[in-house]
Amino acid sequence: MERDAFIKNDQDWFRVRACGIIIDNNEVLMVKNNVDDYYYSVGGAIHIGETLEDACIREVYEETGTQYEIDKLAFVHENFFYHNNMPAHEISFYFLMKNNGTRIFNSVSHGMDGAQEKMVWISLDEYSKYKAYPEFFKDNLKNISNNVKHFITRRK
């Protein structure tokens, strides 16, 4: 059984996450679950011993039920936040995926707290109107650079 690169104790938690950016028709594919009031990127924790690229392909497939190929690494995000009133530190690697034309997803996936997830397309022009994470997507998805961008977010 694979183990996630996830460390949790009574006071805080840390994980390494691999994420896929899927853009089609000026929209980005995001995830919404039936518990949280926000949208989040497709992806999840890497398994110990798994490469970032393999983790991204696996996570995207688990959440969408569709195979995608990686185009390139686009962003690295160091994220410090609170989850269920517990300090959290997450390092995420965001890979731009090659568009395969799939627009409808029928897979059943669940978030880290067990909430059922669904895939949602969000217009790049309207991303800032949504409570969606990561927030830097709103200013950086329309023109993804050939250079990897690094972001640090600290939320209280």
C-alpha atoms as a PDB file:
ATOM      1  CA  MET A   1       0.000   0.000   0.000  1.00  0.00           C
ATOM      2  CA  GLU A   2       1.349   3.400  -0.987  1.00  0.00           C
ATOM      3  CA  ARG A   3       1.814   6.027   1.680  1.00  0.00           C
ATOM      4  CA  ASP A   4       1.194   9.701   0.985  1.00  0.00           C
ATOM      5  CA  ALA A   5       3.953  12.242   1.546  1.00  0.00           C
ATOM      6  CA  PHE A   6       1.894  13.588   4.438  1.00  0.00           C
ATOM      7  CA  ILE A   7       2.952  14.223   8.019  1.00  0.00           C
ATOM      8  CA  LYS A   8       0.367  15.007  10.669  1.00  0.00           C
ATOM      9  CA  ASN A   9       0.575  15.309  14.420  1.00  0.00           C
ATOM     10  CA  ASP A  10      -1.643  16.830  17.108  1.00  0.00           C
ATOM     11  CA  GLN A  11      -0.553  20.380  16.274  1.00  0.00           C
ATOM     12  CA  ASP A  12      -0.082  20.739  12.510  1.00  0.00           C
ATOM     13  CA  TRP A  13       0.408  18.960   9.190  1.00  0.00           C
ATOM     14  CA  PHE A  14       2.601  19.003   6.082  1.00  0.00           C
ATOM     15  CA  ARG A  15       2.221  17.464   2.643  1.00  0.00           C
ATOM     16  CA  VAL A  16       3.700  17.513  -0.841  1.00  0.00           C
ATOM     17  CA  ARG A  17       1.116  17.807  -3.604  1.00  0.00           C
ATOM     18  CA  ALA A  18       1.250  17.276  -7.381  1.00  0.00           C
ATOM     19  CA  CYS A  19      -1.391  19.140  -9.393  1.00  0.00           C
ATOM     20  CA  GLY A  20      -2.569  19.273 -12.981  1.00  0.00           C
ATOM     21  CA  ILE A  21      -3.623  22.436 -14.777  1.00  0.00           C
ATOM     22  CA  ILE A  22      -6.107  21.571 -17.516  1.00  0.00           C
ATOM     23  CA  ILE A  23      -7.159  24.479 -19.722  1.00  0.00           C
ATOM     24  CA  ASP A  24      -9.711  24.232 -22.518  1.00  0.00           C
ATOM     25  CA  ASN A  25     -11.723  26.916 -24.300  1.00  0.00           C
ATOM     26  CA  ASN A  26     -10.407  29.662 -21.964  1.00  0.00           C
ATOM     27  CA  GLU A  27     -11.543  27.676 -18.898  1.00  0.00           C
ATOM     28  CA  VAL A  28      -9.578  25.867 -16.201  1.00  0.00           C
ATOM     29  CA  LEU A  29     -10.729  22.605 -14.658  1.00  0.00           C
ATOM     30  CA  MET A  30     -11.183  22.886 -10.889  1.00  0.00           C
ATOM     31  CA  VAL A  31     -12.608  20.692  -8.136  1.00  0.00           C
ATOM     32  CA  LYS A  32     -15.590  21.376  -5.864  1.00  0.00           C
ATOM     33  CA  ASN A  33     -16.739  19.109  -3.066  1.00  0.00           C
ATOM     34  CA  ASN A  34     -19.985  18.870  -1.129  1.00  0.00           C
ATOM     35  CA  VAL A  35     -18.514  20.202   2.137  1.00  0.00           C
ATOM     36  CA  ASP A  36     -16.148  23.118   1.479  1.00  0.00           C
ATOM     37  CA  ASP A  37     -17.293  26.522   0.216  1.00  0.00           C
ATOM     38  CA  TYR A  38     -14.415  26.914  -2.248  1.00  0.00           C
ATOM     39  CA  TYR A  39     -12.948  25.445  -5.439  1.00  0.00           C
ATOM     40  CA  TYR A  40      -9.453  23.953  -5.628  1.00  0.00           C
ATOM     41  CA  SER A  41      -7.029  22.599  -8.183  1.00  0.00           C
ATOM     42  CA  VAL A  42      -6.990  19.049  -9.504  1.00  0.00           C
ATOM     43  CA  GLY A  43      -4.308  17.058  -7.690  1.00  0.00           C
ATOM     44  CA  GLY A  44      -3.281  15.504  -4.423  1.00  0.00           C
ATOM     45  CA  ALA A  45      -0.516  14.120  -2.255  1.00  0.00           C
ATOM     46  CA  ILE A  46       2.376  12.311  -3.855  1.00  0.00           C
ATOM     47  CA  HIS A  47       3.153   8.813  -2.643  1.00  0.00           C
ATOM     48  CA  ILE A  48       6.486   8.210  -0.961  1.00  0.00           C
ATOM     49  CA  GLY A  49       8.873   6.989  -3.667  1.00  0.00           C
ATOM     50  CA  GLU A  50       6.730   8.415  -6.501  1.00  0.00           C
ATOM     51  CA  THR A  51       8.012  11.093  -8.875  1.00  0.00           C
ATOM     52  CA  LEU A  52       6.135  14.383  -9.082  1.00  0.00           C
ATOM     53  CA  GLU A  53       5.244  13.716 -12.717  1.00  0.00           C
ATOM     54  CA  ASP A  54       3.888  10.236 -11.986  1.00  0.00           C
ATOM     55  CA  ALA A  55       1.920  11.591  -9.020  1.00  0.00           C
ATOM     56  CA  CYS A  56       0.395  14.335 -11.159  1.00  0.00           C
ATOM     57  CA  ILE A  57      -0.685  11.912 -13.891  1.00  0.00           C
ATOM     58  CA  ARG A  58      -2.111   9.515 -11.276  1.00  0.00           C
ATOM     59  CA  GLU A  59      -3.972  12.231  -9.346  1.00  0.00           C
ATOM     60  CA  VAL A  60      -5.443  13.783 -12.491  1.00  0.00           C
ATOM     61  CA  TYR A  61      -6.620  10.338 -13.614  1.00  0.00           C
ATOM     62  CA  GLU A  62      -8.074   9.504 -10.177  1.00  0.00           C
ATOM     63  CA  GLU A  63     -10.076  12.736 -10.097  1.00  0.00           C
ATOM     64  CA  THR A  64     -11.144  12.956 -13.745  1.00  0.00           C
ATOM     65  CA  GLY A  65     -11.138   9.341 -14.920  1.00  0.00           C
ATOM     66  CA  THR A  66      -9.251  10.560 -17.999  1.00  0.00           C
ATOM     67  CA  GLN A  67      -5.609  10.129 -18.997  1.00  0.00           C
ATOM     68  CA  TYR A  68      -3.649  13.331 -19.579  1.00  0.00           C
ATOM     69  CA  GLU A  69      -0.019  13.907 -20.494  1.00  0.00           C
ATOM     70  CA  ILE A  70       2.193  16.529 -18.906  1.00  0.00           C
ATOM     71  CA  ASP A  71       3.260  19.510 -20.988  1.00  0.00           C
ATOM     72  CA  LYS A  72       5.539  21.236 -18.446  1.00  0.00           C
ATOM     73  CA  LEU A  73       6.029  22.269 -14.841  1.00  0.00           C
ATOM     74  CA  ALA A  74       4.480  25.728 -14.487  1.00  0.00           C
ATOM     75  CA  PHE A  75       4.347  26.703 -10.799  1.00  0.00           C
ATOM     76  CA  VAL A  76       5.719  25.805  -7.391  1.00  0.00           C
ATOM     77  CA  HIS A  77       3.587  26.951  -4.462  1.00  0.00           C
ATOM     78  CA  GLU A  78       4.563  27.059  -0.804  1.00  0.00           C
ATOM     79  CA  ASN A  79       1.253  27.398   1.000  1.00  0.00           C
ATOM     80  CA  PHE A  80       0.863  28.117   4.717  1.00  0.00           C
ATOM     81  CA  PHE A  81      -2.760  28.068   5.892  1.00  0.00           C
ATOM     82  CA  TYR A  82      -5.211  26.675   8.425  1.00  0.00           C
ATOM     83  CA  HIS A  83      -7.327  23.599   7.727  1.00  0.00           C
ATOM     84  CA  ASN A  84      -9.941  22.677  10.343  1.00  0.00           C
ATOM     85  CA  ASN A  85      -8.267  25.171  12.708  1.00  0.00           C
ATOM     86  CA  MET A  86      -4.929  23.384  12.373  1.00  0.00           C
ATOM     87  CA  PRO A  87      -1.788  25.004  10.884  1.00  0.00           C
ATOM     88  CA  ALA A  88      -0.932  23.420   7.543  1.00  0.00           C
ATOM     89  CA  HIS A  89       2.119  23.652   5.292  1.00  0.00           C
ATOM     90  CA  GLU A  90       1.766  22.368   1.761  1.00  0.00           C
ATOM     91  CA  ILE A  91       4.216  22.431  -1.132  1.00  0.00           C
ATOM     92  CA  SER A  92       2.459  22.025  -4.471  1.00  0.00           C
ATOM     93  CA  PHE A  93       3.923  21.470  -7.919  1.00  0.00           C
ATOM     94  CA  TYR A  94       1.575  22.536 -10.736  1.00  0.00           C
ATOM     95  CA  PHE A  95       2.001  20.908 -14.132  1.00  0.00           C
ATOM     96  CA  LEU A  96       0.327  22.213 -17.272  1.00  0.00           C
ATOM     97  CA  MET A  97      -1.341  19.226 -18.916  1.00  0.00           C
ATOM     98  CA  LYS A  98      -1.760  18.662 -22.655  1.00  0.00           C
ATOM     99  CA  ASN A  99      -5.390  19.286 -23.559  1.00  0.00           C
ATOM    100  CA  ASN A 100      -7.067  16.116 -24.836  1.00  0.00           C
ATOM    101  CA  GLY A 101     -10.489  17.668 -25.545  1.00  0.00           C
ATOM    102  CA  THR A 102     -12.361  15.934 -22.732  1.00  0.00           C
ATOM    103  CA  ARG A 103     -15.043  18.204 -21.223  1.00  0.00           C
ATOM    104  CA  ILE A 104     -17.273  15.793 -19.260  1.00  0.00           C
ATOM    105  CA  PHE A 105     -15.990  13.694 -16.377  1.00  0.00           C
ATOM    106  CA  ASN A 106     -17.792  10.770 -14.757  1.00  0.00           C
ATOM    107  CA  SER A 107     -15.270   9.636 -12.169  1.00  0.00           C
ATOM    108  CA  VAL A 108     -16.033   9.469  -8.462  1.00  0.00           C
ATOM    109  CA  SER A 109     -13.313  10.953  -6.285  1.00  0.00           C
ATOM    110  CA  HIS A 110     -13.065  12.131  -2.709  1.00  0.00           C
ATOM    111  CA  GLY A 111     -11.008  14.842  -1.034  1.00  0.00           C
ATOM    112  CA  MET A 112      -8.616  14.375   1.848  1.00  0.00           C
ATOM    113  CA  ASP A 113     -11.488  14.621   4.347  1.00  0.00           C
ATOM    114  CA  GLY A 114     -13.629  12.133   2.416  1.00  0.00           C
ATOM    115  CA  ALA A 115     -15.988  14.659   0.790  1.00  0.00           C
ATOM    116  CA  GLN A 116     -17.231  13.657  -2.669  1.00  0.00           C
ATOM    117  CA  GLU A 117     -15.715  15.782  -5.423  1.00  0.00           C
ATOM    118  CA  LYS A 118     -16.929  16.969  -8.817  1.00  0.00           C
ATOM    119  CA  MET A 119     -15.071  18.615 -11.679  1.00  0.00           C
ATOM    120  CA  VAL A 120     -16.063  22.172 -12.631  1.00  0.00           C
ATOM    121  CA  TRP A 121     -14.875  24.375 -15.492  1.00  0.00           C
ATOM    122  CA  ILE A 122     -14.192  27.996 -14.474  1.00  0.00           C
ATOM    123  CA  SER A 123     -13.693  30.772 -17.011  1.00  0.00           C
ATOM    124  CA  LEU A 124     -10.219  32.321 -16.833  1.00  0.00           C
ATOM    125  CA  ASP A 125     -11.884  35.723 -17.259  1.00  0.00           C
ATOM    126  CA  GLU A 126     -14.113  35.135 -14.209  1.00  0.00           C
ATOM    127  CA  TYR A 127     -11.737  33.206 -11.925  1.00  0.00           C
ATOM    128  CA  SER A 128     -11.425  36.154  -9.515  1.00  0.00           C
ATOM    129  CA  LYS A 129     -15.212  36.069  -8.920  1.00  0.00           C
ATOM    130  CA  TYR A 130     -14.914  32.612  -7.340  1.00  0.00           C
ATOM    131  CA  LYS A 131     -13.578  31.600  -3.974  1.00  0.00           C
ATOM    132  CA  ALA A 132     -10.930  29.425  -5.595  1.00  0.00           C
ATOM    133  CA  TYR A 133      -7.445  28.291  -4.681  1.00  0.00           C
ATOM    134  CA  PRO A 134      -4.732  28.869  -5.563  1.00  0.00           C
ATOM    135  CA  GLU A 135      -5.466  32.558  -5.852  1.00  0.00           C
ATOM    136  CA  PHE A 136      -2.450  33.175  -8.105  1.00  0.00           C
ATOM    137  CA  PHE A 137      -4.245  31.311 -10.917  1.00  0.00           C
ATOM    138  CA  LYS A 138      -6.346  34.428 -11.614  1.00  0.00           C
ATOM    139  CA  ASP A 139      -3.293  36.396 -12.802  1.00  0.00           C
ATOM    140  CA  ASN A 140      -1.096  33.630 -14.191  1.00  0.00           C
ATOM    141  CA  LEU A 141      -3.088  31.104 -16.238  1.00  0.00           C
ATOM    142  CA  LYS A 142      -3.684  33.168 -19.371  1.00  0.00           C
ATOM    143  CA  ASN A 143       0.015  33.477 -20.167  1.00  0.00           C
ATOM    144  CA  ILE A 144       1.925  30.611 -18.607  1.00  0.00           C
ATOM    145  CA  SER A 145       5.631  31.311 -18.928  1.00  0.00           C
ATOM    146  CA  ASN A 146       8.253  28.844 -20.087  1.00  0.00           C
ATOM    147  CA  ASN A 147       9.974  29.557 -16.768  1.00  0.00           C
ATOM    148  CA  VAL A 148       8.659  27.984 -13.574  1.00  0.00           C
ATOM    149  CA  LYS A 149       7.132  30.586 -11.245  1.00  0.00           C
ATOM    150  CA  HIS A 150       7.409  30.263  -7.476  1.00  0.00           C
ATOM    151  CA  PHE A 151       4.691  31.537  -5.130  1.00  0.00           C
ATOM    152  CA  ILE A 152       4.488  31.730  -1.343  1.00  0.00           C
ATOM    153  CA  THR A 153       1.112  32.224   0.334  1.00  0.00           C
ATOM    154  CA  ARG A 154       0.552  32.800   4.040  1.00  0.00           C
ATOM    155  CA  ARG A 155      -3.078  32.823   5.181  1.00  0.00           C
ATOM    156  CA  LYS A 156      -4.219  33.280   8.738  1.00  0.00           C
END
